[in-house]
Amino acid sequence: MERKVKIVADSTCDLSAELLERYRIDVIPLNVNLGDVSYLDGVDIHTPDLFEYYKKTGKLPTTSAPTPAYYEDFYQKWTNEGWEVVHFSISAELTVTPNIAKMAAEKFDNIYPVDSRNVSNGMGILAIKAAELRDEGLSAKEIEERVLGMTGKVRTTCVISTLLFMYKGGRCTGVQALGANLLNLKPCIDVTNGKMGVARKYRGSLKSAVCKLVEDRLKGVENVDLDRLLIANYDVDSKTIEAVKAKIREYQDFKDIFVDDCGCSVSVHCGPGTLALIYMTK
C-alpha cells in the first residue's frame, strides 16, 4: 500500500479552523478540567467557558496530559488507514505530553512525534511548515528530520495584560502580580530553548505595549522568514489587532499575517488580554 502522510498537532497549536483546513492539519484535543469534570479542548469546551467558570467559582481550570492509550487510539486508527503521521506537541520543558507521545509511538512503525520546543502558534507554525514539506512529496521521516532542525528558528513572544492567572497557576508570586498591576506593567514573555520567561516589561495600554514589542522584535531585522507571521490572542479588541498588523507591515513585508484565537491550554495560564507574535527566522 502506498504510504500517505498526515500532519497532526495537539489542540495547543491554536491554529484556526481556516488554517487547519488550508494546510490539511489534524488536531488531537487535549483535556481541560473544570473541577473534577474533564472536557476536550475545542470540542466540548472553549476559552470563554474557562473564565465563566472562574467568575462563578473563583477556581482556576486546569489542564492534564493525555495517557499513552489516548494517543495510541488515534495512531492506530490512522495507521490502519495507511497513514504515516508526524505529530507535534508542546515543549517538553513545559509538559510531559511529548514524552507520552513518544511512549505511544513506540508501538508503531510510522508515527513520528515531534517536540516543537514551543507553545501555541509556535507549534502551529512548525505544523504548517511540515504540511508544506508533505505537499512537496517528502516522507514522514524526512519531514520529522527537517522540522526538528527548524525548532530553534521559531520566534514566539507575547504580551499579557495581567499576571493574575499566572499567579493563580503558580507561575509567579503574588508580589510580582500585584506590583505589575499597580505599576500598569505589561510583561513580555518569550519562548527560548523550549522555556517561557519574562524578557522585559512594557508600561501602558496593551495596544502601546504590543506595538512597542513589534518595533523591538522586527525593526531592522534582516533574517526574518517572510512567508508568514501569526498573531495568537484571546480577548483582544479588533482595533488593537489592526494597529499591531499595521505596525508589523511598517517593519517587515510578510506574505501572510494570520490571526488566531488562543485555545484553552494557553489562555488558562495567560488570561484575557494576551497577544503573541509568532514567526520564523531563515
C-alpha atoms as a PDB file:
ATOM      1  CA  MET A   1       0.000   0.000   0.000  1.00  0.00           C
ATOM      2  CA  GLU A   2       1.255   3.456  -0.861  1.00  0.00           C
ATOM      3  CA  ARG A   3       2.007   5.419   2.309  1.00  0.00           C
ATOM      4  CA  LYS A   4       0.239   8.694   2.927  1.00  0.00           C
ATOM      5  CA  VAL A   5       1.495  11.407   5.289  1.00  0.00           C
ATOM      6  CA  LYS A   6      -0.756  13.040   7.884  1.00  0.00           C
ATOM      7  CA  ILE A   7       0.336  16.145   9.796  1.00  0.00           C
ATOM      8  CA  VAL A   8      -1.128  16.277  13.305  1.00  0.00           C
ATOM      9  CA  ALA A   9      -0.853  18.727  16.201  1.00  0.00           C
ATOM     10  CA  ASP A  10      -2.240  18.770  19.712  1.00  0.00           C
ATOM     11  CA  SER A  11      -5.015  21.296  20.280  1.00  0.00           C
ATOM     12  CA  THR A  12      -2.463  23.563  21.987  1.00  0.00           C
ATOM     13  CA  CYS A  13      -1.307  24.584  18.480  1.00  0.00           C
ATOM     14  CA  ASP A  14      -4.154  27.163  18.478  1.00  0.00           C
ATOM     15  CA  LEU A  15      -4.465  27.159  14.683  1.00  0.00           C
ATOM     16  CA  SER A  16      -7.754  28.456  13.312  1.00  0.00           C
ATOM     17  CA  ALA A  17     -10.189  26.192  11.509  1.00  0.00           C
ATOM     18  CA  GLU A  18      -9.290  28.051   8.307  1.00  0.00           C
ATOM     19  CA  LEU A  19      -5.579  27.242   8.612  1.00  0.00           C
ATOM     20  CA  LEU A  20      -6.219  23.650   9.649  1.00  0.00           C
ATOM     21  CA  GLU A  21      -8.331  23.143   6.543  1.00  0.00           C
ATOM     22  CA  ARG A  22      -5.991  25.049   4.231  1.00  0.00           C
ATOM     23  CA  TYR A  23      -2.947  23.012   5.243  1.00  0.00           C
ATOM     24  CA  ARG A  24      -4.812  19.756   5.968  1.00  0.00           C
ATOM     25  CA  ILE A  25      -3.626  19.500   9.558  1.00  0.00           C
ATOM     26  CA  ASP A  26      -5.471  17.248  12.009  1.00  0.00           C
ATOM     27  CA  VAL A  27      -5.846  18.104  15.703  1.00  0.00           C
ATOM     28  CA  ILE A  28      -5.793  15.891  18.787  1.00  0.00           C
ATOM     29  CA  PRO A  29      -7.912  17.575  21.503  1.00  0.00           C
ATOM     30  CA  LEU A  30      -6.372  17.580  24.983  1.00  0.00           C
ATOM     31  CA  ASN A  31      -8.075  17.611  28.367  1.00  0.00           C
ATOM     32  CA  VAL A  32      -9.216  20.696  30.257  1.00  0.00           C
ATOM     33  CA  ASN A  33     -10.637  20.208  33.749  1.00  0.00           C
ATOM     34  CA  LEU A  34     -13.299  22.251  35.491  1.00  0.00           C
ATOM     35  CA  GLY A  35     -13.048  20.864  38.991  1.00  0.00           C
ATOM     36  CA  ASP A  36     -13.496  17.110  38.748  1.00  0.00           C
ATOM     37  CA  VAL A  37     -15.075  17.196  35.291  1.00  0.00           C
ATOM     38  CA  SER A  38     -12.851  16.745  32.239  1.00  0.00           C
ATOM     39  CA  TYR A  39     -13.571  18.202  28.802  1.00  0.00           C
ATOM     40  CA  LEU A  40     -11.882  18.143  25.398  1.00  0.00           C
ATOM     41  CA  ASP A  41     -10.244  21.407  24.345  1.00  0.00           C
ATOM     42  CA  GLY A  42     -12.036  22.937  21.366  1.00  0.00           C
ATOM     43  CA  VAL A  43     -14.634  20.154  21.247  1.00  0.00           C
ATOM     44  CA  ASP A  44     -16.901  20.467  24.269  1.00  0.00           C
ATOM     45  CA  ILE A  45     -15.162  23.371  25.983  1.00  0.00           C
ATOM     46  CA  HIS A  46     -13.883  26.681  24.625  1.00  0.00           C
ATOM     47  CA  THR A  47     -11.842  29.528  26.057  1.00  0.00           C
ATOM     48  CA  PRO A  48     -14.754  31.763  27.226  1.00  0.00           C
ATOM     49  CA  ASP A  49     -16.045  28.798  29.280  1.00  0.00           C
ATOM     50  CA  LEU A  50     -12.852  28.855  31.362  1.00  0.00           C
ATOM     51  CA  PHE A  51     -13.318  32.387  32.571  1.00  0.00           C
ATOM     52  CA  GLU A  52     -17.038  31.969  33.119  1.00  0.00           C
ATOM     53  CA  TYR A  53     -16.166  29.062  35.407  1.00  0.00           C
ATOM     54  CA  TYR A  54     -13.542  31.177  37.180  1.00  0.00           C
ATOM     55  CA  LYS A  55     -16.008  34.036  37.717  1.00  0.00           C
ATOM     56  CA  LYS A  56     -18.563  31.678  39.216  1.00  0.00           C
ATOM     57  CA  THR A  57     -16.248  29.606  41.406  1.00  0.00           C
ATOM     58  CA  GLY A  58     -13.052  31.588  41.937  1.00  0.00           C
ATOM     59  CA  LYS A  59     -11.214  28.424  40.928  1.00  0.00           C
ATOM     60  CA  LEU A  60      -8.835  28.188  38.006  1.00  0.00           C
ATOM     61  CA  PRO A  61      -9.456  25.444  35.441  1.00  0.00           C
ATOM     62  CA  THR A  62      -6.575  23.020  34.979  1.00  0.00           C
ATOM     63  CA  THR A  63      -5.073  21.040  32.117  1.00  0.00           C
ATOM     64  CA  SER A  64      -3.844  17.473  32.242  1.00  0.00           C
ATOM     65  CA  ALA A  65      -1.647  15.368  29.999  1.00  0.00           C
ATOM     66  CA  PRO A  66      -3.196  12.550  27.959  1.00  0.00           C
ATOM     67  CA  THR A  67      -2.424   8.914  28.628  1.00  0.00           C
ATOM     68  CA  PRO A  68      -0.351   6.866  26.158  1.00  0.00           C
ATOM     69  CA  ALA A  69      -3.511   4.893  25.395  1.00  0.00           C
ATOM     70  CA  TYR A  70      -5.290   8.086  24.334  1.00  0.00           C
ATOM     71  CA  TYR A  71      -2.645   8.786  21.698  1.00  0.00           C
ATOM     72  CA  GLU A  72      -2.449   5.119  20.723  1.00  0.00           C
ATOM     73  CA  ASP A  73      -6.125   5.129  19.745  1.00  0.00           C
ATOM     74  CA  PHE A  74      -5.511   7.967  17.265  1.00  0.00           C
ATOM     75  CA  TYR A  75      -2.301   6.409  15.976  1.00  0.00           C
ATOM     76  CA  GLN A  76      -3.950   3.020  15.477  1.00  0.00           C
ATOM     77  CA  LYS A  77      -6.839   4.492  13.508  1.00  0.00           C
ATOM     78  CA  TRP A  78      -4.536   6.426  11.199  1.00  0.00           C
ATOM     79  CA  THR A  79      -2.020   3.650  10.606  1.00  0.00           C
ATOM     80  CA  ASN A  80      -4.877   1.247   9.871  1.00  0.00           C
ATOM     81  CA  GLU A  81      -5.948   3.676   7.156  1.00  0.00           C
ATOM     82  CA  GLY A  82      -2.450   3.658   5.651  1.00  0.00           C
ATOM     83  CA  TRP A  83      -1.109   6.920   7.065  1.00  0.00           C
ATOM     84  CA  GLU A  84       2.330   7.887   8.232  1.00  0.00           C
ATOM     85  CA  VAL A  85       1.963  10.513  10.954  1.00  0.00           C
ATOM     86  CA  VAL A  86       4.074  13.489  12.042  1.00  0.00           C
ATOM     87  CA  HIS A  87       2.668  14.631  15.400  1.00  0.00           C
ATOM     88  CA  PHE A  88       3.538  17.956  17.100  1.00  0.00           C
ATOM     89  CA  SER A  89       3.337  18.569  20.837  1.00  0.00           C
ATOM     90  CA  ILE A  90       4.071  21.466  23.192  1.00  0.00           C
ATOM     91  CA  SER A  91       7.613  21.817  24.577  1.00  0.00           C
ATOM     92  CA  ALA A  92       8.839  19.069  26.900  1.00  0.00           C
ATOM     93  CA  GLU A  93      10.278  21.845  29.083  1.00  0.00           C
ATOM     94  CA  LEU A  94       6.680  22.789  29.925  1.00  0.00           C
ATOM     95  CA  THR A  95       4.789  19.492  29.960  1.00  0.00           C
ATOM     96  CA  VAL A  96       5.232  15.710  29.851  1.00  0.00           C
ATOM     97  CA  THR A  97       2.961  15.487  26.795  1.00  0.00           C
ATOM     98  CA  PRO A  98       5.692  14.961  24.141  1.00  0.00           C
ATOM     99  CA  ASN A  99       7.239  12.202  26.250  1.00  0.00           C
ATOM    100  CA  ILE A 100       3.868  10.475  26.424  1.00  0.00           C
ATOM    101  CA  ALA A 101       3.515  10.809  22.645  1.00  0.00           C
ATOM    102  CA  LYS A 102       6.906   9.157  22.219  1.00  0.00           C
ATOM    103  CA  MET A 103       5.885   6.307  24.511  1.00  0.00           C
ATOM    104  CA  ALA A 104       2.721   5.742  22.500  1.00  0.00           C
ATOM    105  CA  ALA A 105       4.592   5.957  19.169  1.00  0.00           C
ATOM    106  CA  GLU A 106       6.964   3.147  20.164  1.00  0.00           C
ATOM    107  CA  LYS A 107       4.204   0.667  19.360  1.00  0.00           C
ATOM    108  CA  PHE A 108       4.037   1.823  15.736  1.00  0.00           C
ATOM    109  CA  ASP A 109       6.431   1.904  12.794  1.00  0.00           C
ATOM    110  CA  ASN A 110       5.176   5.022  11.070  1.00  0.00           C
ATOM    111  CA  ILE A 111       4.469   7.555  13.829  1.00  0.00           C
ATOM    112  CA  TYR A 112       6.938  10.428  14.256  1.00  0.00           C
ATOM    113  CA  PRO A 113       6.271  12.541  17.375  1.00  0.00           C
ATOM    114  CA  VAL A 114       7.949  15.959  17.362  1.00  0.00           C
ATOM    115  CA  ASP A 115       8.672  18.074  20.432  1.00  0.00           C
ATOM    116  CA  SER A 116       8.038  21.532  18.989  1.00  0.00           C
ATOM    117  CA  ARG A 117      10.082  23.216  21.760  1.00  0.00           C
ATOM    118  CA  ASN A 118       7.330  25.803  21.671  1.00  0.00           C
ATOM    119  CA  VAL A 119       3.738  26.665  22.594  1.00  0.00           C
ATOM    120  CA  SER A 120       0.538  27.788  20.872  1.00  0.00           C
ATOM    121  CA  ASN A 121       1.114  29.026  17.313  1.00  0.00           C
ATOM    122  CA  GLY A 122       4.825  28.306  17.812  1.00  0.00           C
ATOM    123  CA  MET A 123       3.763  24.671  17.422  1.00  0.00           C
ATOM    124  CA  GLY A 124       1.327  25.655  14.728  1.00  0.00           C
ATOM    125  CA  ILE A 125       3.850  27.403  12.501  1.00  0.00           C
ATOM    126  CA  LEU A 126       6.011  24.256  12.532  1.00  0.00           C
ATOM    127  CA  ALA A 127       2.989  22.119  11.650  1.00  0.00           C
ATOM    128  CA  ILE A 128       2.342  24.421   8.686  1.00  0.00           C
ATOM    129  CA  LYS A 129       5.971  24.025   7.571  1.00  0.00           C
ATOM    130  CA  ALA A 130       5.545  20.266   7.869  1.00  0.00           C
ATOM    131  CA  ALA A 131       2.385  20.406   5.744  1.00  0.00           C
ATOM    132  CA  GLU A 132       4.263  22.295   3.038  1.00  0.00           C
ATOM    133  CA  LEU A 133       7.020  19.662   3.083  1.00  0.00           C
ATOM    134  CA  ARG A 134       4.371  16.936   2.809  1.00  0.00           C
ATOM    135  CA  ASP A 135       2.968  18.679  -0.250  1.00  0.00           C
ATOM    136  CA  GLU A 136       6.472  18.687  -1.739  1.00  0.00           C
ATOM    137  CA  GLY A 137       6.403  14.887  -1.525  1.00  0.00           C
ATOM    138  CA  LEU A 138       8.659  14.265   1.488  1.00  0.00           C
ATOM    139  CA  SER A 139       8.129  11.181   3.629  1.00  0.00           C
ATOM    140  CA  ALA A 140       7.106  11.453   7.284  1.00  0.00           C
ATOM    141  CA  LYS A 141      10.636  10.559   8.383  1.00  0.00           C
ATOM    142  CA  GLU A 142      12.128  13.237   6.134  1.00  0.00           C
ATOM    143  CA  ILE A 143       9.633  15.792   7.424  1.00  0.00           C
ATOM    144  CA  GLU A 144      10.466  14.915  11.026  1.00  0.00           C
ATOM    145  CA  GLU A 145      14.173  15.428  10.371  1.00  0.00           C
ATOM    146  CA  ARG A 146      13.595  18.755   8.629  1.00  0.00           C
ATOM    147  CA  VAL A 147      11.255  20.270  11.216  1.00  0.00           C
ATOM    148  CA  LEU A 148      13.442  19.193  14.131  1.00  0.00           C
ATOM    149  CA  GLY A 149      16.105  21.386  12.560  1.00  0.00           C
ATOM    150  CA  MET A 150      13.641  24.298  12.453  1.00  0.00           C
ATOM    151  CA  THR A 151      12.541  24.383  16.101  1.00  0.00           C
ATOM    152  CA  GLY A 152      15.290  26.843  17.034  1.00  0.00           C
ATOM    153  CA  LYS A 153      14.173  29.216  14.289  1.00  0.00           C
ATOM    154  CA  VAL A 154      10.707  29.824  15.720  1.00  0.00           C
ATOM    155  CA  ARG A 155      10.232  33.138  17.498  1.00  0.00           C
ATOM    156  CA  THR A 156       7.322  33.279  19.947  1.00  0.00           C
ATOM    157  CA  THR A 157       6.864  36.379  22.066  1.00  0.00           C
ATOM    158  CA  CYS A 158       3.762  37.687  23.805  1.00  0.00           C
ATOM    159  CA  VAL A 159       2.461  40.499  25.970  1.00  0.00           C
ATOM    160  CA  ILE A 160      -0.037  39.716  28.700  1.00  0.00           C
ATOM    161  CA  SER A 161      -2.361  42.201  30.365  1.00  0.00           C
ATOM    162  CA  THR A 162      -2.423  40.642  33.825  1.00  0.00           C
ATOM    163  CA  LEU A 163      -0.299  38.290  35.913  1.00  0.00           C
ATOM    164  CA  LEU A 164      -3.331  37.179  37.913  1.00  0.00           C
ATOM    165  CA  PHE A 165      -3.724  33.868  36.125  1.00  0.00           C
ATOM    166  CA  MET A 166      -0.027  33.068  36.167  1.00  0.00           C
ATOM    167  CA  TYR A 167      -0.117  33.757  39.905  1.00  0.00           C
ATOM    168  CA  LYS A 168      -3.173  31.528  40.339  1.00  0.00           C
ATOM    169  CA  GLY A 169      -1.398  28.808  38.384  1.00  0.00           C
ATOM    170  CA  GLY A 170       1.737  29.074  40.488  1.00  0.00           C
ATOM    171  CA  ARG A 171       3.934  30.572  37.757  1.00  0.00           C
ATOM    172  CA  CYS A 172       4.704  33.849  39.574  1.00  0.00           C
ATOM    173  CA  THR A 173       4.409  35.263  43.090  1.00  0.00           C
ATOM    174  CA  GLY A 174       1.597  37.373  44.437  1.00  0.00           C
ATOM    175  CA  VAL A 175       4.039  40.243  44.953  1.00  0.00           C
ATOM    176  CA  GLN A 176       5.048  40.120  41.267  1.00  0.00           C
ATOM    177  CA  ALA A 177       1.414  40.075  40.154  1.00  0.00           C
ATOM    178  CA  LEU A 178       0.411  42.911  42.450  1.00  0.00           C
ATOM    179  CA  GLY A 179       3.448  45.014  41.501  1.00  0.00           C
ATOM    180  CA  ALA A 180       2.778  44.653  37.777  1.00  0.00           C
ATOM    181  CA  ASN A 181      -0.842  45.664  38.329  1.00  0.00           C
ATOM    182  CA  LEU A 182      -0.024  48.709  40.451  1.00  0.00           C
ATOM    183  CA  LEU A 183       2.651  49.937  38.029  1.00  0.00           C
ATOM    184  CA  ASN A 184       0.495  49.227  34.946  1.00  0.00           C
ATOM    185  CA  LEU A 185       3.173  46.916  33.572  1.00  0.00           C
ATOM    186  CA  LYS A 186       2.596  44.503  30.692  1.00  0.00           C
ATOM    187  CA  PRO A 187       5.111  41.639  30.895  1.00  0.00           C
ATOM    188  CA  CYS A 188       6.640  40.400  27.647  1.00  0.00           C
ATOM    189  CA  ILE A 189       7.189  36.650  27.684  1.00  0.00           C
ATOM    190  CA  ASP A 190       9.492  34.898  25.220  1.00  0.00           C
ATOM    191  CA  VAL A 191       9.849  31.204  24.469  1.00  0.00           C
ATOM    192  CA  THR A 192      13.563  30.378  24.404  1.00  0.00           C
ATOM    193  CA  ASN A 193      15.027  26.862  24.267  1.00  0.00           C
ATOM    194  CA  GLY A 194      11.585  25.463  24.986  1.00  0.00           C
ATOM    195  CA  LYS A 195      11.092  27.527  28.144  1.00  0.00           C
ATOM    196  CA  MET A 196       8.942  30.566  28.870  1.00  0.00           C
ATOM    197  CA  GLY A 197      10.476  33.562  30.612  1.00  0.00           C
ATOM    198  CA  VAL A 198       9.895  37.269  31.098  1.00  0.00           C
ATOM    199  CA  ALA A 199      12.029  39.164  28.581  1.00  0.00           C
ATOM    200  CA  ARG A 200      11.043  42.692  29.545  1.00  0.00           C
ATOM    201  CA  LYS A 201       8.101  44.756  30.771  1.00  0.00           C
ATOM    202  CA  TYR A 202       6.190  47.459  28.955  1.00  0.00           C
ATOM    203  CA  ARG A 203       4.200  50.232  30.569  1.00  0.00           C
ATOM    204  CA  GLY A 204       0.818  51.480  29.403  1.00  0.00           C
ATOM    205  CA  SER A 205      -2.044  50.021  27.384  1.00  0.00           C
ATOM    206  CA  LEU A 206      -1.920  46.641  25.694  1.00  0.00           C
ATOM    207  CA  LYS A 207      -2.011  48.369  22.309  1.00  0.00           C
ATOM    208  CA  SER A 208       1.024  50.537  23.026  1.00  0.00           C
ATOM    209  CA  ALA A 209       2.873  47.623  24.634  1.00  0.00           C
ATOM    210  CA  VAL A 210       2.405  45.267  21.709  1.00  0.00           C
ATOM    211  CA  CYS A 211       3.235  47.939  19.124  1.00  0.00           C
ATOM    212  CA  LYS A 212       6.467  48.597  21.016  1.00  0.00           C
ATOM    213  CA  LEU A 213       7.115  44.858  21.070  1.00  0.00           C
ATOM    214  CA  VAL A 214       6.712  44.733  17.279  1.00  0.00           C
ATOM    215  CA  GLU A 215       9.250  47.528  16.914  1.00  0.00           C
ATOM    216  CA  ASP A 216      11.702  45.851  19.281  1.00  0.00           C
ATOM    217  CA  ARG A 217      11.445  42.490  17.532  1.00  0.00           C
ATOM    218  CA  LEU A 218      11.095  43.377  13.849  1.00  0.00           C
ATOM    219  CA  LYS A 219      12.570  46.796  13.124  1.00  0.00           C
ATOM    220  CA  GLY A 220      15.726  46.458  11.046  1.00  0.00           C
ATOM    221  CA  VAL A 221      15.931  42.670  11.453  1.00  0.00           C
ATOM    222  CA  GLU A 222      17.306  41.059   8.281  1.00  0.00           C
ATOM    223  CA  ASN A 223      16.999  37.298   8.790  1.00  0.00           C
ATOM    224  CA  VAL A 224      13.214  37.069   9.141  1.00  0.00           C
ATOM    225  CA  ASP A 225      11.381  34.367   7.170  1.00  0.00           C
ATOM    226  CA  LEU A 226       8.729  36.479   5.468  1.00  0.00           C
ATOM    227  CA  ASP A 227       6.421  33.615   4.487  1.00  0.00           C
ATOM    228  CA  ARG A 228       4.061  34.262   7.399  1.00  0.00           C
ATOM    229  CA  LEU A 229       3.523  35.761  10.822  1.00  0.00           C
ATOM    230  CA  LEU A 230       0.850  34.514  13.189  1.00  0.00           C
ATOM    231  CA  ILE A 231      -0.913  36.608  15.823  1.00  0.00           C
ATOM    232  CA  ALA A 232      -2.363  34.492  18.625  1.00  0.00           C
ATOM    233  CA  ASN A 233      -4.671  36.279  21.039  1.00  0.00           C
ATOM    234  CA  TYR A 234      -7.506  35.992  23.481  1.00  0.00           C
ATOM    235  CA  ASP A 235      -9.972  38.781  24.221  1.00  0.00           C
ATOM    236  CA  VAL A 236      -8.020  41.494  22.396  1.00  0.00           C
ATOM    237  CA  ASP A 237     -10.120  44.147  20.658  1.00  0.00           C
ATOM    238  CA  SER A 238     -10.065  44.446  16.874  1.00  0.00           C
ATOM    239  CA  LYS A 239      -8.624  47.985  16.896  1.00  0.00           C
ATOM    240  CA  THR A 240      -5.570  46.781  18.804  1.00  0.00           C
ATOM    241  CA  ILE A 241      -5.082  43.862  16.437  1.00  0.00           C
ATOM    242  CA  GLU A 242      -5.369  46.116  13.373  1.00  0.00           C
ATOM    243  CA  ALA A 243      -2.875  48.569  14.897  1.00  0.00           C
ATOM    244  CA  VAL A 244      -0.446  45.712  15.519  1.00  0.00           C
ATOM    245  CA  LYS A 245      -0.833  44.430  11.962  1.00  0.00           C
ATOM    246  CA  ALA A 246      -0.121  47.904  10.593  1.00  0.00           C
ATOM    247  CA  LYS A 247       2.964  48.210  12.784  1.00  0.00           C
ATOM    248  CA  ILE A 248       4.204  44.796  11.601  1.00  0.00           C
ATOM    249  CA  ARG A 249       3.868  45.854   7.953  1.00  0.00           C
ATOM    250  CA  GLU A 250       5.766  49.028   8.744  1.00  0.00           C
ATOM    251  CA  TYR A 251       8.869  46.984   9.562  1.00  0.00           C
ATOM    252  CA  GLN A 252       8.575  43.679   7.641  1.00  0.00           C
ATOM    253  CA  ASP A 253       6.783  42.649   4.452  1.00  0.00           C
ATOM    254  CA  PHE A 254       5.257  39.306   5.442  1.00  0.00           C
ATOM    255  CA  LYS A 255       3.379  37.499   2.669  1.00  0.00           C
ATOM    256  CA  ASP A 256       0.670  36.470   5.123  1.00  0.00           C
ATOM    257  CA  ILE A 257      -0.394  37.638   8.578  1.00  0.00           C
ATOM    258  CA  PHE A 258      -2.874  35.301  10.249  1.00  0.00           C
ATOM    259  CA  VAL A 259      -4.863  35.998  13.411  1.00  0.00           C
ATOM    260  CA  ASP A 260      -5.731  33.023  15.630  1.00  0.00           C
ATOM    261  CA  ASP A 261      -7.571  32.684  18.937  1.00  0.00           C
ATOM    262  CA  CYS A 262      -5.676  31.192  21.862  1.00  0.00           C
ATOM    263  CA  GLY A 263      -7.264  27.954  22.982  1.00  0.00           C
ATOM    264  CA  CYS A 264      -7.913  26.737  26.495  1.00  0.00           C
ATOM    265  CA  SER A 265      -4.438  25.452  27.369  1.00  0.00           C
ATOM    266  CA  VAL A 266      -2.680  28.785  26.769  1.00  0.00           C
ATOM    267  CA  SER A 267      -5.483  31.078  27.930  1.00  0.00           C
ATOM    268  CA  VAL A 268      -5.904  29.384  31.298  1.00  0.00           C
ATOM    269  CA  HIS A 269      -2.347  30.430  32.188  1.00  0.00           C
ATOM    270  CA  CYS A 270      -2.106  33.816  30.442  1.00  0.00           C
ATOM    271  CA  GLY A 271      -5.638  35.139  30.858  1.00  0.00           C
ATOM    272  CA  PRO A 272      -7.653  37.633  28.791  1.00  0.00           C
ATOM    273  CA  GLY A 273      -5.797  40.390  27.001  1.00  0.00           C
ATOM    274  CA  THR A 274      -2.971  38.205  25.744  1.00  0.00           C
ATOM    275  CA  LEU A 275      -1.397  38.809  22.339  1.00  0.00           C
ATOM    276  CA  ALA A 276       1.500  36.832  20.868  1.00  0.00           C
ATOM    277  CA  LEU A 277       3.601  37.220  17.736  1.00  0.00           C
ATOM    278  CA  ILE A 278       4.942  34.072  16.083  1.00  0.00           C
ATOM    279  CA  TYR A 279       7.275  33.982  13.101  1.00  0.00           C
ATOM    280  CA  MET A 280      10.442  32.228  11.961  1.00  0.00           C
ATOM    281  CA  THR A 281      13.958  33.204  11.040  1.00  0.00           C
ATOM    282  CA  LYS A 282      15.725  31.928   7.956  1.00  0.00           C
END
